[in-house]
Amino acid sequence: MAQLIADRRDVDFVLFEQLEADSLCKYEKFSEFNKKTFDMIISEARNFAIKEILPTFKESDKEGLIFDNGQVKVPECFQRLYKLFCEGEWIATTGASKYGGQGLPNTVAQAVIDYHLGANYAFTLYGWSGFGAGEMIEAFGTEDQKNLFVKNMYTGKWGGTMVLTEPQAGSDLGALTTSAKKNPDGTYSISGNKIFITNAEQNLTENIIHPVLARIEGAPNGTKGISIFIVPKIWVNPDGSLGEPNDVVCTGIEEKMGIHASATCSLTFGGKGKCRGLLLGEENKGMRVMFHMMNAARLLVGSIGFTCGSAAYLYALNYAKERIQGRDLEKIMDQDAPQVPIIRHPDVRRMLMWMKSHVEGIRSMIYYGALCLDKSTIAETEEERTYYHELLDLLTPIIKAYSTDKGFEICSQAMQVYGGYGYTTEYPIEQLLRDSRIASIYEGTNGIQAMDLLGRKMGMKKGAVFMNFISEIQKVVSKAKELNELKDLAVNLENVINRLTEVAMNLGKNAMSPAFKNAFAHACLFLDVMGDVTMAWMLLWRATISQDKLKKIVGDLSGEERIKKLTKNKNAAFYEGQIKSAQYFINSILPITLGKMNSIDVCDGAVNDIPEVAFGG
């Protein structure tokens, strides 16, 4: 089952051959680590995922949740597992050690995420949502707040949430109505109703800490008047002991298409007028605090979509190798020819190749985003730190949206490989498909990500950040041009990024013109194009590394001799696979991307011009 979560060879390739993550150890922040300790931690994460988390995947989905009188009971199989999760210190892998974290680089922690999310993300989020809320308190809280909450959240003793959405406001946070009134003792009385809160009620931890967006009485309308508050389920006394239950009531859980073991709750704050909270950060600065957590959450959600797709691909690959059906195409008319594994059939190979190239490209993109996050904190100069921070800002909506859209598509393609069996509960694909679908909606729908990319990120520093993105791709293109075997692929990608630059400039002009609505109607397509180009960049980067290493193994062998060498040498086979992924994507997917660019350039207005009555219904 190990290979059916994440491919360890591919994980190691991205970390140590592509991104050279072990070089992070030269910085003081990570000086206690080395490649050996990284390997050990990843191996332990993998073993824990395989032996402990993965067995709960199907069982927890089948058992689901029980809601009774304001309380939520999670699947019974989670109880022991959560204790082991806490004991293994898997909750705060990147957290500060003084609060109980491991202090890992984000780049290496991404490998832990690969395995734990891929095994059963409905479970792992119970711990990680607590870490995310705790990290926000560590970043913006007072010393008293940090000492009171963070360690208990990082170690899993207490859970955590992110409480944003209201029934009437949805994604329009500026329309929220939850209110806060300052009390004489410095606390705030909180009153309001919130929905769609992950893990807002569960029976795994003794307390749950809710960061809640609310508007202080008299504050400005819209997002400018929003503050954020720490609202414990059970009040925490100044000495750290638990006090009386706070006036926070779970009013229900959602019955969902997937992630049946994840509690998606509605909460009422102050229904009896006795809900208290602590201001986190400054008054009316809640959006700044919230986006610190939201950006991290968006990277995690991108990983959710990706890991579902990664697991689905590996299941489909394994099935295609074992499922015997049909004859080889060249022997299709020979009734006596033996049946063969379906991986021999060209159309199945097409689906597998599409999945393979996307899984590999997205893994590199997400890990690269994590590397940018690390470098934005440890780089030696302010200029370099700013460079990587801004690059990650640009990539964040792409990582979130592209990874989740394609992750779901990968699950769908995997189901197609299985045929009718994939649609049954006998195999894991139908659950992966259901579970992955929410990721395109989580933490800001993908349409919002596209609007953020077009409306905010592309214009950062008057387009300079986008040009830095293009320059990073050009570095790989230049290196690939030096290799005869990859030169044509490099030229093809270079032509595409030149076209992308033109399209981006034209779309940016349209976004600032009277036809701006037409530009934003193409925002999702533009994000998809940016994702495709990022995939090609990552895959060509992989290929340049692999070509040199493959040459050293196979030399000038060709034909049957080459195949024999690839069959006997796993590294050679792996490197060959990297080159073929780049070849496939650049020659078969990027031409479609160019067609998308043509559509964006036309910037057709039918979407906005059609009268509402003409939609029918």
Foldseek 3Di string as FASTA:
>chain_A
DLVLQPNVVLLCCLCCVQVNVQVLCVFPLNVVDGPVVLVVVLVVLSVCLVPQQQVCALVQFVVFWDDDFQAIEFPPSLQVSLVVCLVVLLQAQCDDVVLPYVNDQLLSNVSSLSRNLSRHVLRNCQLNQLQLVLVLCVVFNDPLSNVQRNSCNSSVQEGEKEFQADPVQGVQSLPDAWEWEADPVQKIAIFDKTFQIWPPHYDRHPKYWYWYKHFYPPADGGLQRIFIWTFIQFDADSVNDTDHGAQKGWPDFDDALASSRITTTMITGCPVPGTITHTGHDGSCHVVSSVVSLLVVLLSLLSSLLSLLSSLLSVLVVQQQVDWDAAQPVCNVPPPGGTHRNCNPVVLVVLSLVSVLVSSLLSSLSSVLSVLVSCLPRPPDPVRNVLSVLLSVLCSLLSQQVSLVVSLVSLVSSLVSVPPVSCDPVDCSVNSNSSSNCSCVPSHHSLRSLCCNLVPSCCVVHNVSVVVVVVLLVVLLVLLCVPPVRNVLSVLLVVLVVLLVVLSVLLNVCCVDPNVVLSSVLSSLNSNLVNLSSSLSSLSSLLSSLVVVLCVQQPPDDDPSSVVSCVVDVSNVVSVSSNVSSVCSSVPVVVVSVVSSVVSNVSDDPVPPDDPVVVDD
